[in-house]
Amino acid sequence: MILLDTSIFIYLANGTLAAETLGGSELAFASITRIEALGYGQIKAAEQSYLEELFEECEQLDLDEDVIQRAIRLRQQSEMTLDDAIIAATALVRGYELWTANTEDFSHVEGLRLKNPLSP
């Protein structure tokens, strides 16, 4: 299973990343990713519509106590934003690979499997 970061949803919506890149993979996202992507104040109507459809096709992973505790530990160990800590914790707790265009934001997280689908 693959956990998609907000950056991947944005790049899919604006055409920077082709949907074919995802292949036939089972896809999921942390609930905060939906808030980040759809909450952007300058989102275009076509992008919002595309994102809403894409979110419907993926599994939403809500915050639970295990993710909350892991996110707390991640933030205590390093200066991570709350959203990145929740996304990383969700991937770690579930054992999913995290796809992100911002691998440098997560590279210090021990045990987190990362992939940047924009990189060759």
C-alpha atoms as a PDB file:
ATOM      1  CA  MET A   1       0.000   0.000   0.000  1.00  0.00           C
ATOM      2  CA  ILE A   2       1.182   3.511  -0.778  1.00  0.00           C
ATOM      3  CA  LEU A   3       0.485   6.584   1.324  1.00  0.00           C
ATOM      4  CA  LEU A   4       0.351   9.733  -0.801  1.00  0.00           C
ATOM      5  CA  ASP A   5       1.610  13.015   0.613  1.00  0.00           C
ATOM      6  CA  THR A   6      -0.180  16.277  -0.111  1.00  0.00           C
ATOM      7  CA  SER A   7       2.455  17.242  -2.681  1.00  0.00           C
ATOM      8  CA  ILE A   8       1.581  14.220  -4.814  1.00  0.00           C
ATOM      9  CA  PHE A   9      -2.116  15.092  -4.836  1.00  0.00           C
ATOM     10  CA  ILE A  10      -1.290  18.673  -5.834  1.00  0.00           C
ATOM     11  CA  TYR A  11       1.035  17.565  -8.643  1.00  0.00           C
ATOM     12  CA  LEU A  12      -1.581  15.140  -9.925  1.00  0.00           C
ATOM     13  CA  ALA A  13      -4.234  17.878  -9.901  1.00  0.00           C
ATOM     14  CA  ASN A  14      -2.108  20.444 -11.735  1.00  0.00           C
ATOM     15  CA  GLY A  15      -0.778  17.953 -14.289  1.00  0.00           C
ATOM     16  CA  THR A  16       2.852  17.928 -13.129  1.00  0.00           C
ATOM     17  CA  LEU A  17       2.536  14.215 -12.340  1.00  0.00           C
ATOM     18  CA  ALA A  18       0.663  11.817 -14.615  1.00  0.00           C
ATOM     19  CA  ALA A  19      -1.948   9.588 -12.981  1.00  0.00           C
ATOM     20  CA  GLU A  20      -0.386   6.632 -14.817  1.00  0.00           C
ATOM     21  CA  THR A  21       2.624   6.999 -12.499  1.00  0.00           C
ATOM     22  CA  LEU A  22       0.494   5.511  -9.733  1.00  0.00           C
ATOM     23  CA  GLY A  23      -0.093   2.360 -11.744  1.00  0.00           C
ATOM     24  CA  GLY A  24      -2.570  -0.041 -10.245  1.00  0.00           C
ATOM     25  CA  SER A  25      -1.314   0.523  -6.718  1.00  0.00           C
ATOM     26  CA  GLU A  26      -3.570   0.586  -3.690  1.00  0.00           C
ATOM     27  CA  LEU A  27      -3.529   4.177  -2.484  1.00  0.00           C
ATOM     28  CA  ALA A  28      -4.207   5.824   0.845  1.00  0.00           C
ATOM     29  CA  PHE A  29      -3.789   9.218   2.465  1.00  0.00           C
ATOM     30  CA  ALA A  30      -3.715  10.641   5.966  1.00  0.00           C
ATOM     31  CA  SER A  31      -6.833  12.667   6.722  1.00  0.00           C
ATOM     32  CA  ILE A  32      -4.728  15.817   7.197  1.00  0.00           C
ATOM     33  CA  THR A  33      -3.645  15.534   3.555  1.00  0.00           C
ATOM     34  CA  ARG A  34      -7.212  16.121   2.418  1.00  0.00           C
ATOM     35  CA  ILE A  35      -7.454  19.182   4.651  1.00  0.00           C
ATOM     36  CA  GLU A  36      -4.177  20.568   3.281  1.00  0.00           C
ATOM     37  CA  ALA A  37      -4.957  19.959  -0.380  1.00  0.00           C
ATOM     38  CA  LEU A  38      -8.586  21.094  -0.445  1.00  0.00           C
ATOM     39  CA  GLY A  39      -8.036  23.880   2.084  1.00  0.00           C
ATOM     40  CA  TYR A  40      -5.663  25.808  -0.141  1.00  0.00           C
ATOM     41  CA  GLY A  41      -7.255  29.235  -0.606  1.00  0.00           C
ATOM     42  CA  GLN A  42      -6.263  29.673  -4.243  1.00  0.00           C
ATOM     43  CA  ILE A  43      -7.242  26.233  -5.505  1.00  0.00           C
ATOM     44  CA  LYS A  44      -8.780  26.278  -8.968  1.00  0.00           C
ATOM     45  CA  ALA A  45     -12.243  24.797  -9.417  1.00  0.00           C
ATOM     46  CA  ALA A  46     -11.016  22.124 -11.865  1.00  0.00           C
ATOM     47  CA  GLU A  47      -8.229  21.095  -9.486  1.00  0.00           C
ATOM     48  CA  GLN A  48     -10.633  20.923  -6.552  1.00  0.00           C
ATOM     49  CA  SER A  49     -13.033  18.763  -8.520  1.00  0.00           C
ATOM     50  CA  TYR A  50     -10.203  16.451  -9.628  1.00  0.00           C
ATOM     51  CA  LEU A  51      -8.892  16.165  -6.068  1.00  0.00           C
ATOM     52  CA  GLU A  52     -12.308  15.401  -4.625  1.00  0.00           C
ATOM     53  CA  GLU A  53     -12.696  12.537  -7.109  1.00  0.00           C
ATOM     54  CA  LEU A  54      -9.192  11.250  -6.411  1.00  0.00           C
ATOM     55  CA  PHE A  55      -9.738  11.333  -2.649  1.00  0.00           C
ATOM     56  CA  GLU A  56     -12.891   9.250  -3.156  1.00  0.00           C
ATOM     57  CA  GLU A  57     -10.822   6.590  -4.963  1.00  0.00           C
ATOM     58  CA  CYS A  58      -8.237   6.317  -2.177  1.00  0.00           C
ATOM     59  CA  GLU A  59      -8.501   5.065   1.378  1.00  0.00           C
ATOM     60  CA  GLN A  60      -8.614   7.813   3.995  1.00  0.00           C
ATOM     61  CA  LEU A  61      -6.660   6.963   7.138  1.00  0.00           C
ATOM     62  CA  ASP A  62      -8.008   8.884  10.097  1.00  0.00           C
ATOM     63  CA  LEU A  63      -6.084   9.828  13.200  1.00  0.00           C
ATOM     64  CA  ASP A  64      -6.065   7.140  15.829  1.00  0.00           C
ATOM     65  CA  GLU A  65      -4.205   6.840  19.127  1.00  0.00           C
ATOM     66  CA  ASP A  66      -1.239   4.955  17.627  1.00  0.00           C
ATOM     67  CA  VAL A  67      -0.705   7.648  14.973  1.00  0.00           C
ATOM     68  CA  ILE A  68      -1.120  10.421  17.548  1.00  0.00           C
ATOM     69  CA  GLN A  69       1.494   8.881  19.854  1.00  0.00           C
ATOM     70  CA  ARG A  70       3.953   8.285  17.000  1.00  0.00           C
ATOM     71  CA  ALA A  71       3.469  11.854  15.721  1.00  0.00           C
ATOM     72  CA  ILE A  72       4.161  13.196  19.206  1.00  0.00           C
ATOM     73  CA  ARG A  73       7.418  11.224  19.376  1.00  0.00           C
ATOM     74  CA  LEU A  74       8.453  12.402  15.907  1.00  0.00           C
ATOM     75  CA  ARG A  75       7.909  16.042  16.860  1.00  0.00           C
ATOM     76  CA  GLN A  76       9.813  15.550  20.108  1.00  0.00           C
ATOM     77  CA  GLN A  77      12.773  14.043  18.228  1.00  0.00           C
ATOM     78  CA  SER A  78      13.081  16.707  15.535  1.00  0.00           C
ATOM     79  CA  GLU A  79      11.537  19.911  14.332  1.00  0.00           C
ATOM     80  CA  MET A  80       8.775  18.638  12.079  1.00  0.00           C
ATOM     81  CA  THR A  81       5.623  20.440  11.132  1.00  0.00           C
ATOM     82  CA  LEU A  82       2.482  18.963  12.600  1.00  0.00           C
ATOM     83  CA  ASP A  83       1.163  17.886   9.212  1.00  0.00           C
ATOM     84  CA  ASP A  84       4.426  16.143   8.242  1.00  0.00           C
ATOM     85  CA  ALA A  85       4.577  14.398  11.619  1.00  0.00           C
ATOM     86  CA  ILE A  86       1.016  13.087  11.199  1.00  0.00           C
ATOM     87  CA  ILE A  87       1.696  11.935   7.633  1.00  0.00           C
ATOM     88  CA  ALA A  88       4.977  10.214   8.587  1.00  0.00           C
ATOM     89  CA  ALA A  89       3.394   8.640  11.672  1.00  0.00           C
ATOM     90  CA  THR A  90       0.492   7.335   9.598  1.00  0.00           C
ATOM     91  CA  ALA A  91       2.888   5.683   7.135  1.00  0.00           C
ATOM     92  CA  LEU A  92       5.006   4.201   9.922  1.00  0.00           C
ATOM     93  CA  VAL A  93       2.093   2.853  11.960  1.00  0.00           C
ATOM     94  CA  ARG A  94       0.509   1.261   8.896  1.00  0.00           C
ATOM     95  CA  GLY A  95       3.801   0.084   7.374  1.00  0.00           C
ATOM     96  CA  TYR A  96       3.122   1.936   4.107  1.00  0.00           C
ATOM     97  CA  GLU A  97       5.608   3.509   1.724  1.00  0.00           C
ATOM     98  CA  LEU A  98       5.264   7.306   1.618  1.00  0.00           C
ATOM     99  CA  TRP A  99       5.262   8.934  -1.806  1.00  0.00           C
ATOM    100  CA  THR A 100       6.190  12.604  -1.638  1.00  0.00           C
ATOM    101  CA  ALA A 101       7.896  15.245  -3.735  1.00  0.00           C
ATOM    102  CA  ASN A 102       9.406  16.576  -0.507  1.00  0.00           C
ATOM    103  CA  THR A 103      11.604  13.662   0.562  1.00  0.00           C
ATOM    104  CA  GLU A 104      13.987  16.035   2.384  1.00  0.00           C
ATOM    105  CA  ASP A 105      11.173  16.844   4.845  1.00  0.00           C
ATOM    106  CA  PHE A 106      10.986  13.171   5.825  1.00  0.00           C
ATOM    107  CA  SER A 107      14.490  11.795   5.190  1.00  0.00           C
ATOM    108  CA  HIS A 108      15.474  11.950   8.870  1.00  0.00           C
ATOM    109  CA  VAL A 109      12.592   9.716   9.983  1.00  0.00           C
ATOM    110  CA  GLU A 110      14.038   6.334  10.858  1.00  0.00           C
ATOM    111  CA  GLY A 111      12.267   3.371   9.291  1.00  0.00           C
ATOM    112  CA  LEU A 112      10.141   5.457   6.914  1.00  0.00           C
ATOM    113  CA  ARG A 113      10.170   4.144   3.347  1.00  0.00           C
ATOM    114  CA  LEU A 114      10.124   7.074   0.896  1.00  0.00           C
ATOM    115  CA  LYS A 115       9.692   7.461  -2.823  1.00  0.00           C
ATOM    116  CA  ASN A 116       9.618  10.583  -4.968  1.00  0.00           C
ATOM    117  CA  PRO A 117       7.696   9.629  -8.144  1.00  0.00           C
ATOM    118  CA  LEU A 118       8.933  12.842  -9.802  1.00  0.00           C
ATOM    119  CA  SER A 119      12.543  11.669  -9.594  1.00  0.00           C
ATOM    120  CA  PRO A 120      13.910   9.396 -12.318  1.00  0.00           C
END
